[in-house]
Amino acid sequence: MWKPSPPRKILRRMKYISDQEGILRRYFREQEGWEKHLSKTAESIISVLESEKYKHVIVLGSGWLLDFPMERILNYVERISLFDVHFPRQILKKAEALKGVECIQADITGGVIEDVYFKLKNKTLNFPFAIPEPEIEKEEGMLIISLNILNQLDILLADYILSRKPDSPGIEIDNFRKDLQARHISMLGKHPFILVTDCREILINTEGKVLEERNLIYTELPSGDRYDEWEWEFDTQGLYNPNVNTVLKVKFIYSKIPQNL
């Protein structure tokens, strides 16, 4: 069903582990602004589970579980499967203490992480880059949650490619991002799903003026039965984007009926 996660040394070299650690540091620095987004995400998920009957929830990109109240969600489902490329020790310990929860370390891109690493190492990386579509076996009563991971699928990979192959054409990198995100959405569409993703990055100066908006999604987002959006005060200290505040626009999409049959 999934490609195993690459060895830890590869994840470190490609900055997956340091990026994960950085998320928690930024949360503690930006706790007030983050809590509004995290609470909105959690309550939106709970709202779906209160109104619909699911037995098994699969969470893609579970991370630190800041936006996924696992104990509360276990009141609505029998099983929770957490998927991520790497699990912090604290999360593994937390999951082990809860009945019905499992942690599965896997590459939810379908093996692209390791493929990119070795092709760059062997100087064989070329475009267009073939991206597989992971498959999840159909299961009655299963809900898939893509949790703030859609636009994260491509960021570290694109950065790593450009750090090792800086002459890569921008159009090819954009197509790589598009294909990676499109495969993820196509996979979700074969099942009932919730998609939570930041889709635009807004740069604001200290006077509150919008300087720039950047699109973070390179493909078409799916339709759904429920839809919501809000803003996430991501960085107010000018550390993520130097000397400006960063606000992210977030979209929440729930689809009850599989779209790709």
C-alpha atoms as a PDB file:
ATOM      1  CA  MET A   1       0.000   0.000   0.000  1.00  0.00           C
ATOM      2  CA  TRP A   2       2.770   2.464   0.917  1.00  0.00           C
ATOM      3  CA  LYS A   3       6.453   2.828   0.269  1.00  0.00           C
ATOM      4  CA  PRO A   4       8.462   2.628   3.501  1.00  0.00           C
ATOM      5  CA  SER A   5       9.989   5.801   4.820  1.00  0.00           C
ATOM      6  CA  PRO A   6      13.598   6.417   3.705  1.00  0.00           C
ATOM      7  CA  PRO A   7      16.421   5.771   6.188  1.00  0.00           C
ATOM      8  CA  ARG A   8      16.833   8.395   8.894  1.00  0.00           C
ATOM      9  CA  LYS A   9      20.130   9.656   7.452  1.00  0.00           C
ATOM     10  CA  ILE A  10      18.387  10.512   4.170  1.00  0.00           C
ATOM     11  CA  LEU A  11      15.545  12.283   5.979  1.00  0.00           C
ATOM     12  CA  ARG A  12      18.109  14.328   7.905  1.00  0.00           C
ATOM     13  CA  ARG A  13      20.069  15.267   4.794  1.00  0.00           C
ATOM     14  CA  MET A  14      16.869  16.316   3.037  1.00  0.00           C
ATOM     15  CA  LYS A  15      15.823  18.304   6.140  1.00  0.00           C
ATOM     16  CA  TYR A  16      12.626  16.390   6.877  1.00  0.00           C
ATOM     17  CA  ILE A  17      13.506  15.909  10.524  1.00  0.00           C
ATOM     18  CA  SER A  18      14.792  19.437  11.124  1.00  0.00           C
ATOM     19  CA  ASP A  19      11.680  20.818   9.408  1.00  0.00           C
ATOM     20  CA  GLN A  20       9.462  18.775  11.712  1.00  0.00           C
ATOM     21  CA  GLU A  21      11.376  20.002  14.748  1.00  0.00           C
ATOM     22  CA  GLY A  22      11.079  23.565  13.463  1.00  0.00           C
ATOM     23  CA  ILE A  23       7.286  23.304  13.330  1.00  0.00           C
ATOM     24  CA  LEU A  24       7.108  22.706  17.073  1.00  0.00           C
ATOM     25  CA  ARG A  25       9.485  25.586  17.812  1.00  0.00           C
ATOM     26  CA  ARG A  26       7.385  27.927  15.697  1.00  0.00           C
ATOM     27  CA  TYR A  27       4.218  26.727  17.449  1.00  0.00           C
ATOM     28  CA  PHE A  28       5.623  27.721  20.835  1.00  0.00           C
ATOM     29  CA  ARG A  29       6.737  31.112  19.473  1.00  0.00           C
ATOM     30  CA  GLU A  30       3.415  31.766  17.743  1.00  0.00           C
ATOM     31  CA  GLN A  31       1.045  29.924  20.050  1.00  0.00           C
ATOM     32  CA  GLU A  32      -1.721  32.541  20.190  1.00  0.00           C
ATOM     33  CA  GLY A  33      -2.122  32.835  16.429  1.00  0.00           C
ATOM     34  CA  TRP A  34      -1.624  29.133  15.834  1.00  0.00           C
ATOM     35  CA  GLU A  35      -4.231  28.053  18.387  1.00  0.00           C
ATOM     36  CA  LYS A  36      -7.024  29.678  16.401  1.00  0.00           C
ATOM     37  CA  HIS A  37      -6.062  27.689  13.309  1.00  0.00           C
ATOM     38  CA  LEU A  38      -5.454  24.444  15.189  1.00  0.00           C
ATOM     39  CA  SER A  39      -8.762  24.717  17.048  1.00  0.00           C
ATOM     40  CA  LYS A  40     -10.644  25.472  13.827  1.00  0.00           C
ATOM     41  CA  THR A  41      -9.083  22.434  12.158  1.00  0.00           C
ATOM     42  CA  ALA A  42      -9.843  20.127  15.082  1.00  0.00           C
ATOM     43  CA  GLU A  43     -13.440  21.309  15.460  1.00  0.00           C
ATOM     44  CA  SER A  44     -14.080  20.979  11.726  1.00  0.00           C
ATOM     45  CA  ILE A  45     -12.913  17.361  11.825  1.00  0.00           C
ATOM     46  CA  ILE A  46     -14.996  16.639  14.937  1.00  0.00           C
ATOM     47  CA  SER A  47     -18.045  18.184  13.250  1.00  0.00           C
ATOM     48  CA  VAL A  48     -17.779  15.671  10.399  1.00  0.00           C
ATOM     49  CA  LEU A  49     -17.369  12.727  12.763  1.00  0.00           C
ATOM     50  CA  GLU A  50     -20.370  13.859  14.825  1.00  0.00           C
ATOM     51  CA  SER A  51     -22.647  13.837  11.796  1.00  0.00           C
ATOM     52  CA  GLU A  52     -21.261  10.870   9.859  1.00  0.00           C
ATOM     53  CA  LYS A  53     -20.493   7.284  10.870  1.00  0.00           C
ATOM     54  CA  TYR A  54     -16.888   6.158  10.395  1.00  0.00           C
ATOM     55  CA  LYS A  55     -15.017   3.291  12.016  1.00  0.00           C
ATOM     56  CA  HIS A  56     -11.460   3.917  10.867  1.00  0.00           C
ATOM     57  CA  VAL A  57      -9.647   7.209  10.317  1.00  0.00           C
ATOM     58  CA  ILE A  58      -6.382   7.375   8.368  1.00  0.00           C
ATOM     59  CA  VAL A  59      -4.386  10.562   8.973  1.00  0.00           C
ATOM     60  CA  LEU A  60      -1.798  11.533   6.374  1.00  0.00           C
ATOM     61  CA  GLY A  61       0.849  13.882   7.716  1.00  0.00           C
ATOM     62  CA  SER A  62      -0.031  13.510  11.396  1.00  0.00           C
ATOM     63  CA  GLY A  63       3.105  15.308  12.626  1.00  0.00           C
ATOM     64  CA  TRP A  64       2.880  16.574  16.209  1.00  0.00           C
ATOM     65  CA  LEU A  65      -0.929  16.053  16.318  1.00  0.00           C
ATOM     66  CA  LEU A  66      -1.344  19.731  17.171  1.00  0.00           C
ATOM     67  CA  ASP A  67      -4.509  19.922  15.051  1.00  0.00           C
ATOM     68  CA  PHE A  68      -5.758  16.383  15.602  1.00  0.00           C
ATOM     69  CA  PRO A  69      -7.319  15.739  19.063  1.00  0.00           C
ATOM     70  CA  MET A  70      -6.723  12.006  19.091  1.00  0.00           C
ATOM     71  CA  GLU A  71      -8.391  11.232  22.422  1.00  0.00           C
ATOM     72  CA  ARG A  72     -11.574  13.062  21.440  1.00  0.00           C
ATOM     73  CA  ILE A  73     -11.683  11.446  18.029  1.00  0.00           C
ATOM     74  CA  LEU A  74     -11.478   7.981  19.569  1.00  0.00           C
ATOM     75  CA  ASN A  75     -14.945   8.690  20.977  1.00  0.00           C
ATOM     76  CA  TYR A  76     -16.265   8.545  17.409  1.00  0.00           C
ATOM     77  CA  VAL A  77     -14.172   5.840  15.711  1.00  0.00           C
ATOM     78  CA  GLU A  78     -12.713   2.433  16.536  1.00  0.00           C
ATOM     79  CA  ARG A  79      -9.314   2.849  14.876  1.00  0.00           C
ATOM     80  CA  ILE A  80      -6.876   5.603  14.009  1.00  0.00           C
ATOM     81  CA  SER A  81      -3.916   5.025  11.677  1.00  0.00           C
ATOM     82  CA  LEU A  82      -1.312   7.793  11.728  1.00  0.00           C
ATOM     83  CA  PHE A  83       0.979   8.085   8.707  1.00  0.00           C
ATOM     84  CA  ASP A  84       4.082  10.236   8.531  1.00  0.00           C
ATOM     85  CA  VAL A  85       7.585  10.082   7.112  1.00  0.00           C
ATOM     86  CA  HIS A  86       8.999  10.328  10.651  1.00  0.00           C
ATOM     87  CA  PHE A  87       7.437  10.203  14.115  1.00  0.00           C
ATOM     88  CA  PRO A  88       8.703  12.203  17.086  1.00  0.00           C
ATOM     89  CA  ARG A  89       9.317   9.975  20.111  1.00  0.00           C
ATOM     90  CA  GLN A  90       6.653  11.839  22.073  1.00  0.00           C
ATOM     91  CA  ILE A  91       3.997  10.965  19.521  1.00  0.00           C
ATOM     92  CA  LEU A  92       4.983   7.300  19.394  1.00  0.00           C
ATOM     93  CA  LYS A  93       4.720   7.132  23.177  1.00  0.00           C
ATOM     94  CA  LYS A  94       1.346   8.864  23.151  1.00  0.00           C
ATOM     95  CA  ALA A  95      -0.038   6.529  20.489  1.00  0.00           C
ATOM     96  CA  GLU A  96       1.202   3.418  22.295  1.00  0.00           C
ATOM     97  CA  ALA A  97      -0.819   4.411  25.346  1.00  0.00           C
ATOM     98  CA  LEU A  98      -4.090   4.542  23.401  1.00  0.00           C
ATOM     99  CA  LYS A  99      -6.078   1.507  22.311  1.00  0.00           C
ATOM    100  CA  GLY A 100      -6.899   1.439  18.622  1.00  0.00           C
ATOM    101  CA  VAL A 101      -4.104   3.787  17.502  1.00  0.00           C
ATOM    102  CA  GLU A 102      -1.206   2.792  15.245  1.00  0.00           C
ATOM    103  CA  CYS A 103       1.728   4.753  13.831  1.00  0.00           C
ATOM    104  CA  ILE A 104       2.922   3.837  10.334  1.00  0.00           C
ATOM    105  CA  GLN A 105       6.140   5.415   9.128  1.00  0.00           C
ATOM    106  CA  ALA A 106       5.882   5.680   5.352  1.00  0.00           C
ATOM    107  CA  ASP A 107       6.529   7.912   2.380  1.00  0.00           C
ATOM    108  CA  ILE A 108       3.061   9.115   1.388  1.00  0.00           C
ATOM    109  CA  THR A 109       4.448  10.451  -1.908  1.00  0.00           C
ATOM    110  CA  GLY A 110       4.758   6.837  -3.074  1.00  0.00           C
ATOM    111  CA  GLY A 111       8.533   6.669  -2.897  1.00  0.00           C
ATOM    112  CA  VAL A 112       9.412  10.002  -4.508  1.00  0.00           C
ATOM    113  CA  ILE A 113      11.595  11.139  -1.576  1.00  0.00           C
ATOM    114  CA  GLU A 114      14.123   8.334  -1.887  1.00  0.00           C
ATOM    115  CA  ASP A 115      13.878   8.352  -5.674  1.00  0.00           C
ATOM    116  CA  VAL A 116      14.803  12.045  -5.811  1.00  0.00           C
ATOM    117  CA  TYR A 117      17.625  11.570  -3.317  1.00  0.00           C
ATOM    118  CA  PHE A 118      19.364   8.787  -5.238  1.00  0.00           C
ATOM    119  CA  LYS A 119      18.787  10.266  -8.677  1.00  0.00           C
ATOM    120  CA  LEU A 120      20.415  13.485  -7.536  1.00  0.00           C
ATOM    121  CA  LYS A 121      23.221  11.560  -5.883  1.00  0.00           C
ATOM    122  CA  ASN A 122      23.837   9.573  -9.072  1.00  0.00           C
ATOM    123  CA  LYS A 123      23.298  12.626 -11.315  1.00  0.00           C
ATOM    124  CA  THR A 124      20.460  10.883 -13.161  1.00  0.00           C
ATOM    125  CA  LEU A 125      17.568  13.168 -12.223  1.00  0.00           C
ATOM    126  CA  ASN A 126      15.783  14.437 -15.319  1.00  0.00           C
ATOM    127  CA  PHE A 127      12.458  16.065 -16.126  1.00  0.00           C
ATOM    128  CA  PRO A 128       9.677  15.281 -16.586  1.00  0.00           C
ATOM    129  CA  PHE A 129       9.842  13.263 -13.378  1.00  0.00           C
ATOM    130  CA  ALA A 130       7.502  10.265 -13.194  1.00  0.00           C
ATOM    131  CA  ILE A 131       5.432  10.407 -10.002  1.00  0.00           C
ATOM    132  CA  PRO A 132       3.445   7.348  -8.911  1.00  0.00           C
ATOM    133  CA  GLU A 133       0.009   7.524  -7.329  1.00  0.00           C
ATOM    134  CA  PRO A 134      -0.109   5.719  -3.967  1.00  0.00           C
ATOM    135  CA  GLU A 135      -3.122   3.528  -3.394  1.00  0.00           C
ATOM    136  CA  ILE A 136      -5.126   2.893  -0.252  1.00  0.00           C
ATOM    137  CA  GLU A 137      -7.155  -0.293  -0.158  1.00  0.00           C
ATOM    138  CA  LYS A 138     -10.874   0.422   0.016  1.00  0.00           C
ATOM    139  CA  GLU A 139     -12.443  -0.265   3.377  1.00  0.00           C
ATOM    140  CA  GLU A 140     -16.015   0.199   4.543  1.00  0.00           C
ATOM    141  CA  GLY A 141     -16.332   2.898   7.168  1.00  0.00           C
ATOM    142  CA  MET A 142     -12.931   4.467   6.433  1.00  0.00           C
ATOM    143  CA  LEU A 143     -12.222   8.206   6.273  1.00  0.00           C
ATOM    144  CA  ILE A 144      -8.906   9.615   5.025  1.00  0.00           C
ATOM    145  CA  ILE A 145      -7.695  12.933   6.432  1.00  0.00           C
ATOM    146  CA  SER A 146      -4.968  14.823   4.581  1.00  0.00           C
ATOM    147  CA  LEU A 147      -3.843  17.084   7.402  1.00  0.00           C
ATOM    148  CA  ASN A 148      -1.991  20.206   6.306  1.00  0.00           C
ATOM    149  CA  ILE A 149       0.304  18.074   4.154  1.00  0.00           C
ATOM    150  CA  LEU A 150      -0.732  18.757   0.541  1.00  0.00           C
ATOM    151  CA  ASN A 151       1.562  21.701  -0.115  1.00  0.00           C
ATOM    152  CA  GLN A 152       4.223  20.225   2.161  1.00  0.00           C
ATOM    153  CA  LEU A 153       4.622  17.257  -0.174  1.00  0.00           C
ATOM    154  CA  ASP A 154       6.585  19.307  -2.679  1.00  0.00           C
ATOM    155  CA  ILE A 155       8.306  22.072  -0.669  1.00  0.00           C
ATOM    156  CA  LEU A 156      11.248  20.145   0.783  1.00  0.00           C
ATOM    157  CA  LEU A 157      11.651  18.061  -2.371  1.00  0.00           C
ATOM    158  CA  ALA A 158      11.719  21.103  -4.645  1.00  0.00           C
ATOM    159  CA  ASP A 159      14.137  22.889  -2.308  1.00  0.00           C
ATOM    160  CA  TYR A 160      16.407  19.856  -2.229  1.00  0.00           C
ATOM    161  CA  ILE A 161      16.372  19.525  -6.020  1.00  0.00           C
ATOM    162  CA  LEU A 162      17.254  23.200  -6.459  1.00  0.00           C
ATOM    163  CA  SER A 163      20.025  22.985  -3.864  1.00  0.00           C
ATOM    164  CA  ARG A 164      21.660  20.126  -5.779  1.00  0.00           C
ATOM    165  CA  LYS A 165      20.601  21.047  -9.304  1.00  0.00           C
ATOM    166  CA  PRO A 166      20.166  24.849  -9.308  1.00  0.00           C
ATOM    167  CA  ASP A 167      19.889  25.004 -13.092  1.00  0.00           C
ATOM    168  CA  SER A 168      16.591  23.076 -13.030  1.00  0.00           C
ATOM    169  CA  PRO A 169      14.053  24.982 -15.160  1.00  0.00           C
ATOM    170  CA  GLY A 170      11.369  26.738 -13.137  1.00  0.00           C
ATOM    171  CA  ILE A 171       8.612  25.356 -15.356  1.00  0.00           C
ATOM    172  CA  GLU A 172       9.821  21.806 -14.707  1.00  0.00           C
ATOM    173  CA  ILE A 173       9.906  22.369 -10.947  1.00  0.00           C
ATOM    174  CA  ASP A 174       6.377  23.792 -11.082  1.00  0.00           C
ATOM    175  CA  ASN A 175       5.202  20.765 -13.075  1.00  0.00           C
ATOM    176  CA  PHE A 176       6.862  18.486 -10.530  1.00  0.00           C
ATOM    177  CA  ARG A 177       4.968  20.249  -7.741  1.00  0.00           C
ATOM    178  CA  LYS A 178       1.719  20.074  -9.698  1.00  0.00           C
ATOM    179  CA  ASP A 179       2.024  16.352 -10.432  1.00  0.00           C
ATOM    180  CA  LEU A 180       2.912  15.510  -6.835  1.00  0.00           C
ATOM    181  CA  GLN A 181      -0.095  17.388  -5.478  1.00  0.00           C
ATOM    182  CA  ALA A 182      -2.408  16.062  -8.196  1.00  0.00           C
ATOM    183  CA  ARG A 183      -1.493  12.440  -7.418  1.00  0.00           C
ATOM    184  CA  HIS A 184      -2.262  13.042  -3.741  1.00  0.00           C
ATOM    185  CA  ILE A 185      -5.664  14.542  -4.523  1.00  0.00           C
ATOM    186  CA  SER A 186      -6.472  11.743  -6.964  1.00  0.00           C
ATOM    187  CA  MET A 187      -5.664   9.192  -4.261  1.00  0.00           C
ATOM    188  CA  LEU A 188      -7.948  10.962  -1.780  1.00  0.00           C
ATOM    189  CA  GLY A 189     -10.775  11.097  -4.299  1.00  0.00           C
ATOM    190  CA  LYS A 190     -11.164   7.321  -4.323  1.00  0.00           C
ATOM    191  CA  HIS A 191     -12.407   7.413  -0.716  1.00  0.00           C
ATOM    192  CA  PRO A 192     -14.397   9.619   1.643  1.00  0.00           C
ATOM    193  CA  PHE A 193     -11.877  12.266   2.695  1.00  0.00           C
ATOM    194  CA  ILE A 194     -11.119  15.472   4.528  1.00  0.00           C
ATOM    195  CA  LEU A 195      -8.535  17.753   3.004  1.00  0.00           C
ATOM    196  CA  VAL A 196      -7.050  20.530   5.131  1.00  0.00           C
ATOM    197  CA  THR A 197      -4.441  22.599   3.344  1.00  0.00           C
ATOM    198  CA  ASP A 198      -2.932  26.046   3.360  1.00  0.00           C
ATOM    199  CA  CYS A 199      -3.304  27.358  -0.171  1.00  0.00           C
ATOM    200  CA  ARG A 200      -1.995  30.941  -0.217  1.00  0.00           C
ATOM    201  CA  GLU A 201       0.816  32.733   1.579  1.00  0.00           C
ATOM    202  CA  ILE A 202       0.258  36.419   2.353  1.00  0.00           C
ATOM    203  CA  LEU A 203       3.198  38.669   3.218  1.00  0.00           C
ATOM    204  CA  ILE A 204       2.306  41.679   5.358  1.00  0.00           C
ATOM    205  CA  ASN A 205       4.585  44.487   6.544  1.00  0.00           C
ATOM    206  CA  THR A 206       4.644  45.937  10.066  1.00  0.00           C
ATOM    207  CA  GLU A 207       2.103  48.590   9.026  1.00  0.00           C
ATOM    208  CA  GLY A 208      -0.410  45.936   8.006  1.00  0.00           C
ATOM    209  CA  LYS A 209      -0.010  46.401   4.263  1.00  0.00           C
ATOM    210  CA  VAL A 210      -0.142  43.320   2.031  1.00  0.00           C
ATOM    211  CA  LEU A 211       3.103  43.202   0.066  1.00  0.00           C
ATOM    212  CA  GLU A 212       2.621  39.961  -1.839  1.00  0.00           C
ATOM    213  CA  GLU A 213       0.430  36.876  -2.122  1.00  0.00           C
ATOM    214  CA  ARG A 214       1.915  33.565  -3.189  1.00  0.00           C
ATOM    215  CA  ASN A 215      -0.005  30.568  -4.459  1.00  0.00           C
ATOM    216  CA  LEU A 216       0.931  27.311  -2.708  1.00  0.00           C
ATOM    217  CA  ILE A 217      -1.297  24.953  -4.692  1.00  0.00           C
ATOM    218  CA  TYR A 218      -0.244  24.016  -8.209  1.00  0.00           C
ATOM    219  CA  THR A 219      -3.195  21.827  -9.131  1.00  0.00           C
ATOM    220  CA  GLU A 220      -6.981  21.994  -8.922  1.00  0.00           C
ATOM    221  CA  LEU A 221      -8.488  21.379  -5.507  1.00  0.00           C
ATOM    222  CA  PRO A 222     -11.322  18.833  -5.327  1.00  0.00           C
ATOM    223  CA  SER A 223     -14.981  19.585  -4.765  1.00  0.00           C
ATOM    224  CA  GLY A 224     -16.714  18.456  -1.607  1.00  0.00           C
ATOM    225  CA  ASP A 225     -19.879  18.221   0.459  1.00  0.00           C
ATOM    226  CA  ARG A 226     -18.573  20.656   3.074  1.00  0.00           C
ATOM    227  CA  TYR A 227     -16.264  23.566   2.545  1.00  0.00           C
ATOM    228  CA  ASP A 228     -14.722  26.178   4.819  1.00  0.00           C
ATOM    229  CA  GLU A 229     -11.754  28.523   4.817  1.00  0.00           C
ATOM    230  CA  TRP A 230      -9.939  30.726   7.301  1.00  0.00           C
ATOM    231  CA  GLU A 231      -6.687  32.570   7.886  1.00  0.00           C
ATOM    232  CA  TRP A 232      -3.764  31.265   9.927  1.00  0.00           C
ATOM    233  CA  GLU A 233      -1.431  33.756  11.612  1.00  0.00           C
ATOM    234  CA  PHE A 234       1.601  31.662  10.810  1.00  0.00           C
ATOM    235  CA  ASP A 235       4.517  33.935  11.661  1.00  0.00           C
ATOM    236  CA  THR A 236       4.298  37.373  13.296  1.00  0.00           C
ATOM    237  CA  GLN A 237       8.001  37.763  14.050  1.00  0.00           C
ATOM    238  CA  GLY A 238       9.419  37.995  10.548  1.00  0.00           C
ATOM    239  CA  LEU A 239      11.378  34.769  10.836  1.00  0.00           C
ATOM    240  CA  TYR A 240       9.763  32.579   8.180  1.00  0.00           C
ATOM    241  CA  ASN A 241       9.847  35.308   5.543  1.00  0.00           C
ATOM    242  CA  PRO A 242      12.461  37.842   6.689  1.00  0.00           C
ATOM    243  CA  ASN A 243      11.114  41.094   8.133  1.00  0.00           C
ATOM    244  CA  VAL A 244       7.462  40.499   7.211  1.00  0.00           C
ATOM    245  CA  ASN A 245       4.513  38.775   8.858  1.00  0.00           C
ATOM    246  CA  THR A 246       3.203  35.648   7.149  1.00  0.00           C
ATOM    247  CA  VAL A 247      -0.487  34.729   7.067  1.00  0.00           C
ATOM    248  CA  LEU A 248      -1.706  31.543   5.385  1.00  0.00           C
ATOM    249  CA  LYS A 249      -5.112  31.019   3.822  1.00  0.00           C
ATOM    250  CA  VAL A 250      -6.438  27.572   4.742  1.00  0.00           C
ATOM    251  CA  LYS A 251      -9.126  25.513   3.051  1.00  0.00           C
ATOM    252  CA  PHE A 252     -11.139  22.644   4.544  1.00  0.00           C
ATOM    253  CA  ILE A 253     -12.910  20.245   2.177  1.00  0.00           C
ATOM    254  CA  TYR A 254     -14.947  17.180   3.166  1.00  0.00           C
ATOM    255  CA  SER A 255     -16.178  14.746   0.536  1.00  0.00           C
ATOM    256  CA  LYS A 256     -18.539  11.975   1.607  1.00  0.00           C
ATOM    257  CA  ILE A 257     -18.844  10.241  -1.748  1.00  0.00           C
ATOM    258  CA  PRO A 258     -15.699   9.021  -3.567  1.00  0.00           C
ATOM    259  CA  GLN A 259     -15.055  11.170  -6.626  1.00  0.00           C
ATOM    260  CA  ASN A 260     -12.687   8.926  -8.601  1.00  0.00           C
ATOM    261  CA  LEU A 261     -14.559   5.656  -9.073  1.00  0.00           C
END
